[in-house]
């Protein structure tokens, strides 16, 4: 990984070997070995002004100082350990190529009232330079398989009405639109979809 820097922003650039998804691509458990590339992604994300339910929660400095405890929290949540009252068991999958962090998929094992309104079973994020390469499609398919292993027959996925990329990805897997709603937690109209895990 390298940076292309200007006075105003830095851009993550993927290595050429990502032309084929099969090359070393995998879903990995959160680990301290990915700290450097994760922090590079956080910095680029902060400068982009994009939204993400996890990366927007904290500052770059927080992620740097608390990376190890964050990783442990993810691992605990996958086993249903040390959950606060508003949390559900959730498995965090990191999309990696070698030691390079490309994004994440968060699979919640069940829904509570809050997640039924906003969030659903799945949260995901790809760094900009990993988009439109088939990586999201591959990872979505793999996560559906993991959901099926947990006995989840269909998952709720939500996205902004303005997020055309997410809509295309959800439709690719046969997503059925439940509704389009407006809620205080979201800046604009929110689309709520259901996707079967049985055909993945």
N, C-alpha and C. Protein backbone atom coordinates (compact mmCIF):
# COMPACT_ATOMS: atom_id res chain seq x y z
N UNK A 1 0.84 -1.19 0.00
CA UNK A 1 0.00 0.00 0.00
C UNK A 1 0.87 1.24 0.00
N UNK A 2 0.38 2.26 -0.68
CA UNK A 2 1.10 3.52 -0.64
C UNK A 2 0.10 4.65 -0.64
N UNK A 3 0.60 5.82 -0.33
CA UNK A 3 -0.22 7.02 -0.31
C UNK A 3 0.10 7.89 -1.51
N UNK A 4 -0.93 8.54 -2.04
CA UNK A 4 -0.72 9.65 -2.97
C UNK A 4 -1.20 10.88 -2.24
N UNK A 5 -0.30 11.77 -1.91
CA UNK A 5 -0.64 12.88 -1.05
C UNK A 5 -0.69 14.19 -1.81
N UNK A 6 -1.59 15.05 -1.37
CA UNK A 6 -1.63 16.43 -1.83
C UNK A 6 -1.77 17.29 -0.60
N UNK A 7 -1.92 18.57 -0.77
CA UNK A 7 -2.04 19.44 0.40
C UNK A 7 -3.33 19.19 1.14
N UNK A 8 -4.37 18.73 0.43
CA UNK A 8 -5.67 18.64 1.06
C UNK A 8 -6.09 17.23 1.43
N UNK A 9 -5.60 16.19 0.71
CA UNK A 9 -6.07 14.87 1.07
C UNK A 9 -5.09 13.80 0.62
N UNK A 10 -5.26 12.61 1.21
CA UNK A 10 -4.47 11.45 0.84
C UNK A 10 -5.41 10.39 0.31
N UNK A 11 -4.94 9.61 -0.65
CA UNK A 11 -5.77 8.61 -1.28
C UNK A 11 -5.09 7.25 -1.17
N UNK A 12 -5.86 6.24 -0.76
CA UNK A 12 -5.34 4.89 -0.72
C UNK A 12 -5.33 4.31 -2.13
N UNK A 13 -4.22 3.67 -2.49
CA UNK A 13 -4.13 3.05 -3.80
C UNK A 13 -3.84 1.57 -3.62
N UNK A 14 -4.62 0.72 -4.27
CA UNK A 14 -4.43 -0.71 -4.15
C UNK A 14 -3.30 -1.18 -5.04
N UNK A 15 -2.62 -2.23 -4.60
CA UNK A 15 -1.55 -2.81 -5.39
C UNK A 15 -2.14 -3.51 -6.61
N UNK A 16 -1.39 -3.62 -7.71
CA UNK A 16 -1.91 -4.21 -8.94
C UNK A 16 -2.41 -5.63 -8.79
N UNK A 17 -1.91 -6.38 -7.79
CA UNK A 17 -2.31 -7.77 -7.69
C UNK A 17 -3.77 -7.94 -7.27
N UNK A 18 -4.48 -6.85 -7.01
CA UNK A 18 -5.90 -6.95 -6.69
C UNK A 18 -6.76 -6.99 -7.94
N UNK A 19 -6.16 -7.06 -9.10
CA UNK A 19 -6.93 -7.17 -10.33
C UNK A 19 -7.76 -8.44 -10.32
N UNK A 20 -7.29 -9.47 -9.65
CA UNK A 20 -8.07 -10.70 -9.50
C UNK A 20 -8.37 -10.91 -8.04
N UNK A 21 -9.65 -11.11 -7.74
CA UNK A 21 -10.10 -11.23 -6.36
C UNK A 21 -9.53 -12.47 -5.68
N UNK A 22 -9.28 -13.51 -6.48
CA UNK A 22 -8.83 -14.77 -5.89
C UNK A 22 -7.45 -14.67 -5.25
N UNK A 23 -6.67 -13.68 -5.64
CA UNK A 23 -5.29 -13.59 -5.16
C UNK A 23 -5.24 -13.14 -3.71
N UNK A 24 -5.10 -14.09 -2.80
CA UNK A 24 -4.89 -13.83 -1.37
C UNK A 24 -6.08 -13.16 -0.69
N UNK A 25 -7.18 -12.95 -1.40
CA UNK A 25 -8.32 -12.29 -0.79
C UNK A 25 -8.99 -13.22 0.21
N UNK A 26 -9.33 -12.70 1.38
CA UNK A 26 -10.03 -13.53 2.36
C UNK A 26 -10.78 -12.66 3.35
N UNK A 27 -11.72 -13.30 4.04
CA UNK A 27 -12.36 -12.68 5.19
C UNK A 27 -11.59 -13.13 6.42
N UNK A 28 -11.12 -12.19 7.20
CA UNK A 28 -10.28 -12.50 8.35
C UNK A 28 -10.91 -12.00 9.64
N UNK A 29 -10.56 -12.64 10.73
CA UNK A 29 -10.93 -12.13 12.04
C UNK A 29 -10.14 -10.85 12.31
N UNK A 30 -10.72 -9.90 13.03
CA UNK A 30 -9.95 -8.71 13.42
C UNK A 30 -8.66 -9.11 14.13
N UNK A 31 -7.57 -8.45 13.79
CA UNK A 31 -6.27 -8.80 14.35
C UNK A 31 -5.38 -7.57 14.37
N UNK A 32 -4.45 -7.55 15.32
CA UNK A 32 -3.51 -6.44 15.43
C UNK A 32 -2.57 -6.36 14.23
N UNK A 33 -2.45 -7.45 13.46
CA UNK A 33 -1.54 -7.44 12.31
C UNK A 33 -2.01 -6.48 11.22
N UNK A 34 -3.29 -6.08 11.26
CA UNK A 34 -3.83 -5.19 10.24
C UNK A 34 -3.89 -3.73 10.71
N UNK A 35 -3.27 -3.43 11.83
CA UNK A 35 -3.41 -2.09 12.39
C UNK A 35 -2.92 -1.00 11.44
N UNK A 36 -1.77 -1.16 10.84
CA UNK A 36 -1.20 -0.11 10.00
C UNK A 36 -2.14 0.24 8.84
N UNK A 37 -2.59 -0.78 8.10
CA UNK A 37 -3.43 -0.49 6.95
C UNK A 37 -4.83 -0.06 7.36
N UNK A 38 -5.30 -0.54 8.52
CA UNK A 38 -6.60 -0.09 9.03
C UNK A 38 -6.55 1.40 9.34
N UNK A 39 -5.49 1.85 9.99
CA UNK A 39 -5.37 3.26 10.33
C UNK A 39 -5.22 4.13 9.08
N UNK A 40 -4.54 3.61 8.07
CA UNK A 40 -4.45 4.34 6.81
C UNK A 40 -5.84 4.52 6.19
N UNK A 41 -6.66 3.47 6.29
CA UNK A 41 -8.02 3.54 5.77
C UNK A 41 -8.86 4.53 6.57
N UNK A 42 -8.68 4.54 7.89
CA UNK A 42 -9.41 5.48 8.74
C UNK A 42 -9.07 6.92 8.35
N UNK A 43 -7.78 7.20 8.17
CA UNK A 43 -7.37 8.56 7.81
C UNK A 43 -7.98 8.99 6.48
N UNK A 44 -7.91 8.10 5.48
CA UNK A 44 -8.48 8.43 4.18
C UNK A 44 -9.99 8.62 4.28
N UNK A 45 -10.64 7.79 5.10
CA UNK A 45 -12.10 7.91 5.27
C UNK A 45 -12.47 9.24 5.92
N UNK A 46 -11.73 9.63 6.93
CA UNK A 46 -12.02 10.90 7.60
C UNK A 46 -11.91 12.07 6.62
N UNK A 47 -10.92 12.01 5.75
CA UNK A 47 -10.71 13.09 4.80
C UNK A 47 -11.76 13.10 3.68
N UNK A 48 -12.39 11.93 3.44
CA UNK A 48 -13.36 11.83 2.36
C UNK A 48 -14.71 12.45 2.72
N UNK A 49 -15.03 12.47 4.02
CA UNK A 49 -16.32 12.98 4.45
C UNK A 49 -17.46 12.00 4.29
N UNK A 50 -17.16 10.74 3.92
CA UNK A 50 -18.20 9.73 3.76
C UNK A 50 -18.73 9.27 5.12
N UNK A 51 -19.86 8.56 5.06
CA UNK A 51 -20.47 8.01 6.27
C UNK A 51 -20.09 6.55 6.43
N UNK A 52 -19.91 6.13 7.66
CA UNK A 52 -19.80 4.71 7.99
C UNK A 52 -20.15 4.57 9.46
N UNK A 53 -20.99 3.58 9.77
CA UNK A 53 -21.48 3.43 11.12
C UNK A 53 -20.41 3.17 12.16
N UNK A 54 -19.28 2.62 11.74
CA UNK A 54 -18.20 2.35 12.70
C UNK A 54 -17.09 3.38 12.62
N UNK A 55 -16.59 3.65 11.43
CA UNK A 55 -15.44 4.54 11.30
C UNK A 55 -15.76 5.98 11.70
N UNK A 56 -17.03 6.35 11.69
CA UNK A 56 -17.39 7.70 12.10
C UNK A 56 -17.60 7.83 13.61
N UNK A 57 -17.55 6.72 14.32
CA UNK A 57 -17.81 6.76 15.76
C UNK A 57 -16.72 7.48 16.54
N UNK A 58 -15.48 7.36 16.06
CA UNK A 58 -14.34 7.85 16.84
C UNK A 58 -13.36 8.60 15.94
N UNK A 59 -12.45 9.30 16.58
CA UNK A 59 -11.40 10.01 15.87
C UNK A 59 -10.29 9.04 15.45
N UNK A 60 -9.44 9.51 14.53
CA UNK A 60 -8.27 8.72 14.15
C UNK A 60 -7.43 8.38 15.37
N UNK A 61 -7.25 9.37 16.24
CA UNK A 61 -6.42 9.18 17.45
C UNK A 61 -7.01 8.09 18.34
N UNK A 62 -8.34 8.05 18.45
CA UNK A 62 -8.98 7.02 19.28
C UNK A 62 -8.68 5.64 18.72
N UNK A 63 -8.85 5.47 17.40
CA UNK A 63 -8.58 4.16 16.80
C UNK A 63 -7.13 3.75 17.00
N UNK A 64 -6.21 4.71 16.90
CA UNK A 64 -4.80 4.41 17.09
C UNK A 64 -4.52 3.95 18.52
N UNK A 65 -5.05 4.68 19.49
CA UNK A 65 -4.78 4.39 20.90
C UNK A 65 -5.54 3.18 21.42
N UNK A 66 -6.68 2.86 20.83
CA UNK A 66 -7.54 1.81 21.37
C UNK A 66 -7.69 0.62 20.43
N UNK A 67 -6.79 0.49 19.48
CA UNK A 67 -6.93 -0.55 18.46
C UNK A 67 -7.00 -1.94 19.07
N UNK A 68 -6.09 -2.24 20.00
CA UNK A 68 -6.03 -3.58 20.57
C UNK A 68 -7.32 -3.92 21.33
N UNK A 69 -7.82 -2.97 22.11
CA UNK A 69 -9.06 -3.23 22.85
C UNK A 69 -10.25 -3.33 21.91
N UNK A 70 -10.24 -2.57 20.81
CA UNK A 70 -11.31 -2.67 19.82
C UNK A 70 -11.33 -4.07 19.20
N UNK A 71 -10.15 -4.58 18.85
CA UNK A 71 -10.07 -5.93 18.29
C UNK A 71 -10.63 -6.96 19.27
N UNK A 72 -10.28 -6.83 20.53
CA UNK A 72 -10.76 -7.78 21.53
C UNK A 72 -12.27 -7.68 21.69
N UNK A 73 -12.80 -6.46 21.63
CA UNK A 73 -14.25 -6.28 21.71
C UNK A 73 -14.95 -7.00 20.57
N UNK A 74 -14.42 -6.87 19.36
CA UNK A 74 -15.00 -7.57 18.21
C UNK A 74 -15.00 -9.08 18.44
N UNK A 75 -13.89 -9.61 18.94
CA UNK A 75 -13.79 -11.05 19.17
C UNK A 75 -14.76 -11.50 20.26
N UNK A 76 -14.90 -10.69 21.30
CA UNK A 76 -15.86 -11.01 22.36
C UNK A 76 -17.29 -11.00 21.85
N UNK A 77 -17.62 -10.00 21.04
CA UNK A 77 -18.99 -9.87 20.54
C UNK A 77 -19.37 -11.05 19.66
N UNK A 78 -18.41 -11.62 18.96
CA UNK A 78 -18.71 -12.77 18.11
C UNK A 78 -19.12 -13.98 18.94
N UNK A 79 -18.71 -14.01 20.21
CA UNK A 79 -19.06 -15.10 21.11
C UNK A 79 -20.14 -14.70 22.11
N UNK A 80 -20.67 -13.49 21.94
CA UNK A 80 -21.73 -13.03 22.83
C UNK A 80 -21.24 -12.66 24.22
N UNK A 81 -19.95 -12.32 24.34
CA UNK A 81 -19.36 -11.99 25.64
C UNK A 81 -19.37 -10.48 25.88
N UNK A 82 -19.55 -10.11 27.14
CA UNK A 82 -19.41 -8.72 27.59
C UNK A 82 -20.24 -7.74 26.76
N UNK A 83 -21.46 -8.14 26.44
CA UNK A 83 -22.33 -7.29 25.64
C UNK A 83 -23.08 -6.31 26.54
N UNK A 84 -23.17 -5.06 26.11
CA UNK A 84 -24.02 -4.10 26.80
C UNK A 84 -25.47 -4.39 26.44
N UNK A 85 -26.39 -3.77 27.16
CA UNK A 85 -27.81 -4.09 27.00
C UNK A 85 -28.33 -3.83 25.59
N UNK A 86 -27.72 -2.88 24.89
CA UNK A 86 -28.23 -2.52 23.56
C UNK A 86 -27.49 -3.24 22.43
N UNK A 87 -26.60 -4.18 22.76
CA UNK A 87 -25.82 -4.89 21.75
C UNK A 87 -26.31 -6.33 21.60
N UNK A 88 -26.07 -6.90 20.42
CA UNK A 88 -26.38 -8.30 20.16
C UNK A 88 -25.09 -8.98 19.69
N UNK A 89 -25.02 -10.31 19.79
CA UNK A 89 -23.84 -10.99 19.25
C UNK A 89 -23.62 -10.62 17.79
N UNK A 90 -22.36 -10.38 17.42
CA UNK A 90 -22.05 -9.90 16.08
C UNK A 90 -20.66 -10.36 15.69
N UNK A 91 -20.52 -10.85 14.46
CA UNK A 91 -19.22 -11.27 13.96
C UNK A 91 -18.69 -10.22 12.98
N UNK A 92 -17.48 -9.76 13.25
CA UNK A 92 -16.82 -8.78 12.40
C UNK A 92 -15.87 -9.51 11.45
N UNK A 93 -16.11 -9.34 10.15
CA UNK A 93 -15.24 -9.92 9.14
C UNK A 93 -14.46 -8.79 8.47
N UNK A 94 -13.14 -8.92 8.44
CA UNK A 94 -12.32 -7.93 7.74
C UNK A 94 -11.91 -8.50 6.39
N UNK A 95 -12.11 -7.70 5.34
CA UNK A 95 -11.70 -8.07 3.99
C UNK A 95 -10.24 -7.66 3.83
N UNK A 96 -9.39 -8.62 3.59
CA UNK A 96 -7.96 -8.33 3.52
C UNK A 96 -7.33 -8.99 2.29
N UNK A 97 -6.28 -8.36 1.82
CA UNK A 97 -5.43 -8.91 0.77
C UNK A 97 -4.01 -8.89 1.34
N UNK A 98 -3.51 -10.04 1.76
CA UNK A 98 -2.27 -10.06 2.51
C UNK A 98 -2.48 -9.37 3.84
N UNK A 99 -1.68 -8.34 4.11
CA UNK A 99 -1.83 -7.56 5.34
C UNK A 99 -2.59 -6.26 5.11
N UNK A 100 -3.20 -6.12 3.95
CA UNK A 100 -3.88 -4.88 3.60
C UNK A 100 -5.37 -4.96 3.91
N UNK A 101 -5.84 -4.02 4.74
CA UNK A 101 -7.24 -3.94 5.13
C UNK A 101 -8.03 -3.21 4.05
N UNK A 102 -9.05 -3.88 3.50
CA UNK A 102 -9.84 -3.31 2.42
C UNK A 102 -11.24 -2.91 2.84
N UNK A 103 -11.69 -3.44 3.96
CA UNK A 103 -13.05 -3.12 4.40
C UNK A 103 -13.54 -4.11 5.43
N UNK A 104 -14.84 -4.04 5.69
CA UNK A 104 -15.40 -4.87 6.75
C UNK A 104 -16.84 -5.24 6.42
N UNK A 105 -17.26 -6.37 6.96
CA UNK A 105 -18.67 -6.75 7.01
C UNK A 105 -18.96 -7.13 8.46
N UNK A 106 -20.00 -6.54 9.03
CA UNK A 106 -20.42 -6.87 10.39
C UNK A 106 -21.73 -7.63 10.31
N UNK A 107 -21.73 -8.86 10.80
CA UNK A 107 -22.92 -9.71 10.74
C UNK A 107 -23.49 -9.86 12.15
N UNK A 108 -24.65 -9.25 12.37
CA UNK A 108 -25.34 -9.38 13.66
C UNK A 108 -26.16 -10.66 13.66
N UNK A 109 -26.01 -11.43 14.72
CA UNK A 109 -26.60 -12.76 14.76
C UNK A 109 -28.11 -12.73 14.93
N UNK A 110 -28.64 -11.64 15.44
CA UNK A 110 -30.08 -11.48 15.60
C UNK A 110 -30.39 -9.99 15.67
N UNK A 111 -31.67 -9.66 15.60
CA UNK A 111 -32.09 -8.26 15.65
C UNK A 111 -32.75 -7.95 16.98
N UNK A 112 -32.50 -6.75 17.47
CA UNK A 112 -33.29 -6.20 18.57
C UNK A 112 -34.18 -5.09 17.99
N UNK A 113 -34.93 -4.44 18.83
CA UNK A 113 -35.88 -3.43 18.33
C UNK A 113 -35.16 -2.31 17.58
N UNK A 114 -34.01 -1.90 18.08
CA UNK A 114 -33.26 -0.83 17.43
C UNK A 114 -32.79 -1.24 16.05
N UNK A 115 -32.25 -2.45 15.91
CA UNK A 115 -31.74 -2.92 14.63
C UNK A 115 -32.85 -3.19 13.63
N UNK A 116 -34.03 -3.54 14.11
CA UNK A 116 -35.16 -3.71 13.21
C UNK A 116 -35.56 -2.39 12.56
N UNK A 117 -35.33 -1.30 13.28
CA UNK A 117 -35.63 0.03 12.73
C UNK A 117 -34.50 0.54 11.85
N UNK A 118 -33.28 0.30 12.28
CA UNK A 118 -32.13 0.93 11.63
C UNK A 118 -30.89 0.07 11.85
N UNK A 119 -30.31 -0.40 10.77
CA UNK A 119 -29.06 -1.18 10.91
C UNK A 119 -29.19 -2.58 10.36
N UNK A 120 -30.23 -3.31 10.79
CA UNK A 120 -30.43 -4.66 10.31
C UNK A 120 -29.34 -5.63 10.76
N UNK A 121 -29.23 -6.74 10.02
CA UNK A 121 -28.23 -7.76 10.35
C UNK A 121 -26.83 -7.39 9.88
N UNK A 122 -26.75 -6.53 8.87
CA UNK A 122 -25.47 -6.38 8.17
C UNK A 122 -25.03 -4.93 8.06
N UNK A 123 -23.77 -4.70 8.40
CA UNK A 123 -23.13 -3.42 8.14
C UNK A 123 -21.88 -3.69 7.33
N UNK A 124 -21.55 -2.81 6.40
CA UNK A 124 -20.37 -3.07 5.57
C UNK A 124 -19.77 -1.77 5.06
N UNK A 125 -18.49 -1.87 4.75
CA UNK A 125 -17.75 -0.72 4.24
C UNK A 125 -16.56 -1.21 3.42
N UNK A 126 -16.34 -0.60 2.28
CA UNK A 126 -15.15 -0.85 1.47
C UNK A 126 -14.41 0.46 1.26
N UNK A 127 -13.07 0.41 1.31
CA UNK A 127 -12.32 1.61 0.98
C UNK A 127 -12.59 1.96 -0.48
N UNK A 128 -12.58 3.23 -0.84
CA UNK A 128 -12.96 3.64 -2.20
C UNK A 128 -12.21 2.91 -3.31
N UNK A 129 -10.91 2.68 -3.11
CA UNK A 129 -10.13 2.05 -4.18
C UNK A 129 -10.38 0.55 -4.32
N UNK A 130 -11.20 -0.02 -3.41
CA UNK A 130 -11.57 -1.44 -3.53
C UNK A 130 -12.95 -1.62 -4.14
N UNK A 131 -13.59 -0.52 -4.48
CA UNK A 131 -14.95 -0.59 -5.01
C UNK A 131 -14.95 -0.84 -6.52
N UNK A 132 -16.09 -1.36 -6.99
CA UNK A 132 -16.31 -1.60 -8.42
C UNK A 132 -15.28 -2.55 -9.00
N UNK A 133 -14.84 -3.49 -8.18
CA UNK A 133 -13.89 -4.51 -8.62
C UNK A 133 -14.42 -5.92 -8.37
N UNK A 134 -15.66 -6.01 -7.88
CA UNK A 134 -16.24 -7.31 -7.55
C UNK A 134 -15.94 -7.78 -6.15
N UNK A 135 -15.16 -7.01 -5.40
CA UNK A 135 -14.78 -7.41 -4.05
C UNK A 135 -15.99 -7.42 -3.12
N UNK A 136 -16.82 -6.39 -3.20
CA UNK A 136 -18.02 -6.33 -2.37
C UNK A 136 -18.96 -7.48 -2.65
N UNK A 137 -19.13 -7.83 -3.93
CA UNK A 137 -19.99 -8.95 -4.30
C UNK A 137 -19.47 -10.25 -3.74
N UNK A 138 -18.16 -10.46 -3.88
CA UNK A 138 -17.55 -11.68 -3.34
C UNK A 138 -17.72 -11.76 -1.82
N UNK A 139 -17.44 -10.66 -1.13
CA UNK A 139 -17.53 -10.67 0.33
C UNK A 139 -18.97 -10.84 0.80
N UNK A 140 -19.91 -10.19 0.13
CA UNK A 140 -21.33 -10.32 0.49
C UNK A 140 -21.75 -11.79 0.40
N UNK A 141 -21.34 -12.45 -0.68
CA UNK A 141 -21.67 -13.86 -0.86
C UNK A 141 -21.10 -14.72 0.27
N UNK A 142 -19.85 -14.46 0.64
CA UNK A 142 -19.21 -15.23 1.71
C UNK A 142 -19.90 -15.00 3.05
N UNK A 143 -20.31 -13.77 3.30
CA UNK A 143 -20.97 -13.47 4.58
C UNK A 143 -22.35 -14.10 4.64
N UNK A 144 -23.05 -14.17 3.52
CA UNK A 144 -24.34 -14.87 3.49
C UNK A 144 -24.16 -16.34 3.88
N UNK A 145 -23.07 -16.95 3.43
CA UNK A 145 -22.79 -18.34 3.80
C UNK A 145 -22.57 -18.46 5.31
N UNK A 146 -21.86 -17.47 5.88
CA UNK A 146 -21.61 -17.48 7.32
C UNK A 146 -22.92 -17.29 8.09
N UNK A 147 -23.81 -16.44 7.57
CA UNK A 147 -25.11 -16.25 8.22
C UNK A 147 -25.90 -17.55 8.21
N UNK A 148 -25.85 -18.27 7.10
CA UNK A 148 -26.58 -19.54 7.01
C UNK A 148 -26.04 -20.54 8.03
N UNK A 149 -24.73 -20.54 8.26
CA UNK A 149 -24.15 -21.44 9.27
C UNK A 149 -24.70 -21.15 10.66
N UNK A 150 -25.07 -19.88 10.89
CA UNK A 150 -25.63 -19.49 12.19
C UNK A 150 -27.13 -19.76 12.28
N UNK A 151 -27.70 -20.31 11.22
CA UNK A 151 -29.12 -20.61 11.21
C UNK A 151 -30.00 -19.45 10.81
N UNK A 152 -29.40 -18.40 10.25
CA UNK A 152 -30.17 -17.24 9.81
C UNK A 152 -30.60 -17.47 8.37
N UNK A 153 -31.91 -17.54 8.13
CA UNK A 153 -32.41 -17.85 6.80
C UNK A 153 -32.56 -16.61 5.92
N UNK A 154 -32.74 -15.46 6.53
CA UNK A 154 -32.78 -14.22 5.77
C UNK A 154 -32.26 -13.09 6.64
N UNK A 155 -31.63 -12.13 6.00
CA UNK A 155 -31.05 -11.01 6.73
C UNK A 155 -31.67 -9.70 6.29
N UNK A 156 -31.79 -8.78 7.25
CA UNK A 156 -32.22 -7.43 6.92
C UNK A 156 -30.99 -6.58 6.65
N UNK A 157 -31.04 -5.84 5.54
CA UNK A 157 -29.96 -4.93 5.18
C UNK A 157 -30.58 -3.56 4.90
N UNK A 158 -30.01 -2.51 5.47
CA UNK A 158 -30.52 -1.17 5.22
C UNK A 158 -29.47 -0.33 4.51
N UNK A 159 -29.94 0.61 3.72
CA UNK A 159 -29.02 1.54 3.04
C UNK A 159 -29.76 2.84 2.73
N UNK A 160 -29.01 3.90 2.56
CA UNK A 160 -29.61 5.17 2.17
C UNK A 160 -30.22 5.05 0.77
N UNK A 161 -31.32 5.75 0.56
CA UNK A 161 -31.94 5.75 -0.76
C UNK A 161 -30.99 6.32 -1.81
N UNK A 162 -30.08 7.17 -1.37
CA UNK A 162 -29.12 7.79 -2.29
C UNK A 162 -27.92 6.90 -2.60
N UNK A 163 -27.78 5.78 -1.89
CA UNK A 163 -26.63 4.90 -2.06
C UNK A 163 -26.91 3.87 -3.16
N UNK A 164 -26.67 4.27 -4.39
CA UNK A 164 -26.98 3.42 -5.54
C UNK A 164 -26.11 2.16 -5.55
N UNK A 165 -24.84 2.29 -5.13
CA UNK A 165 -23.94 1.14 -5.10
C UNK A 165 -24.45 0.04 -4.20
N UNK A 166 -24.92 0.40 -3.00
CA UNK A 166 -25.44 -0.60 -2.08
C UNK A 166 -26.73 -1.23 -2.61
N UNK A 167 -27.56 -0.41 -3.22
CA UNK A 167 -28.80 -0.94 -3.79
C UNK A 167 -28.51 -1.99 -4.86
N UNK A 168 -27.55 -1.71 -5.73
CA UNK A 168 -27.19 -2.66 -6.78
C UNK A 168 -26.67 -3.96 -6.18
N UNK A 169 -25.85 -3.84 -5.13
CA UNK A 169 -25.30 -5.03 -4.49
C UNK A 169 -26.41 -5.87 -3.86
N UNK A 170 -27.32 -5.23 -3.16
CA UNK A 170 -28.43 -5.95 -2.51
C UNK A 170 -29.32 -6.62 -3.54
N UNK A 171 -29.64 -5.91 -4.61
CA UNK A 171 -30.49 -6.48 -5.67
C UNK A 171 -29.81 -7.67 -6.35
N UNK A 172 -28.49 -7.62 -6.45
CA UNK A 172 -27.74 -8.70 -7.08
C UNK A 172 -27.98 -10.03 -6.35
N UNK A 173 -28.25 -9.94 -5.06
CA UNK A 173 -28.50 -11.14 -4.26
C UNK A 173 -29.98 -11.35 -3.98
N UNK A 174 -30.81 -10.77 -4.85
CA UNK A 174 -32.25 -11.02 -4.76
C UNK A 174 -32.95 -10.29 -3.64
N UNK A 175 -32.40 -9.16 -3.21
CA UNK A 175 -33.00 -8.41 -2.11
C UNK A 175 -34.43 -7.98 -2.41
N UNK A 176 -35.29 -8.12 -1.40
CA UNK A 176 -36.68 -7.69 -1.50
C UNK A 176 -36.87 -6.46 -0.63
N UNK A 177 -37.35 -5.39 -1.22
CA UNK A 177 -37.51 -4.14 -0.48
C UNK A 177 -38.71 -4.23 0.47
N UNK A 178 -38.45 -4.00 1.76
CA UNK A 178 -39.53 -3.97 2.75
C UNK A 178 -40.23 -2.62 2.71
N UNK A 179 -39.44 -1.54 2.82
CA UNK A 179 -40.02 -0.21 2.79
C UNK A 179 -38.93 0.85 2.66
N UNK A 180 -39.36 2.06 2.47
CA UNK A 180 -38.48 3.24 2.51
C UNK A 180 -39.05 4.13 3.60
N UNK A 181 -38.22 4.44 4.59
CA UNK A 181 -38.71 5.16 5.76
C UNK A 181 -37.79 6.32 6.10
N UNK A 182 -38.28 7.18 6.94
CA UNK A 182 -37.48 8.29 7.47
C UNK A 182 -37.44 8.18 8.98
N UNK A 183 -36.24 8.15 9.54
CA UNK A 183 -36.08 8.02 10.98
C UNK A 183 -35.06 9.05 11.46
N UNK A 184 -35.14 9.45 12.73
CA UNK A 184 -34.23 10.48 13.25
C UNK A 184 -32.75 10.11 13.16
N UNK A 185 -32.44 8.81 13.24
CA UNK A 185 -31.04 8.39 13.23
C UNK A 185 -30.37 8.57 11.87
N UNK A 186 -31.16 8.77 10.82
CA UNK A 186 -30.59 8.83 9.47
C UNK A 186 -30.87 10.18 8.83
N UNK A 187 -29.92 10.65 8.03
CA UNK A 187 -30.03 11.97 7.44
C UNK A 187 -31.10 12.06 6.36
N UNK A 188 -31.35 10.95 5.66
CA UNK A 188 -32.31 10.97 4.56
C UNK A 188 -33.13 9.70 4.55
N UNK A 189 -33.91 9.47 3.48
CA UNK A 189 -34.73 8.26 3.39
C UNK A 189 -33.88 6.99 3.50
N UNK A 190 -34.39 6.03 4.25
CA UNK A 190 -33.68 4.78 4.51
C UNK A 190 -34.45 3.63 3.87
N UNK A 191 -33.74 2.82 3.10
CA UNK A 191 -34.34 1.63 2.49
C UNK A 191 -34.03 0.41 3.33
N UNK A 192 -35.05 -0.41 3.60
CA UNK A 192 -34.86 -1.64 4.37
C UNK A 192 -35.21 -2.83 3.49
N UNK A 193 -34.24 -3.73 3.36
CA UNK A 193 -34.33 -4.87 2.45
C UNK A 193 -34.20 -6.17 3.23
N UNK A 194 -34.70 -7.26 2.61
CA UNK A 194 -34.47 -8.61 3.12
C UNK A 194 -33.79 -9.44 2.03
N UNK A 195 -32.78 -10.18 2.44
CA UNK A 195 -32.01 -11.02 1.50
C UNK A 195 -31.97 -12.44 2.06
N UNK A 196 -32.35 -13.42 1.25
CA UNK A 196 -32.29 -14.82 1.67
C UNK A 196 -30.85 -15.30 1.71
N UNK A 197 -30.51 -16.12 2.70
CA UNK A 197 -29.17 -16.72 2.75
C UNK A 197 -29.17 -18.11 2.12
N UNK A 198 -30.33 -18.62 1.74
CA UNK A 198 -30.45 -20.01 1.32
C UNK A 198 -30.00 -20.24 -0.11
N UNK A 199 -29.91 -19.18 -0.91
CA UNK A 199 -29.53 -19.35 -2.30
C UNK A 199 -28.10 -18.94 -2.59
N UNK A 200 -27.36 -18.51 -1.54
CA UNK A 200 -25.99 -18.04 -1.75
C UNK A 200 -25.02 -19.21 -1.93
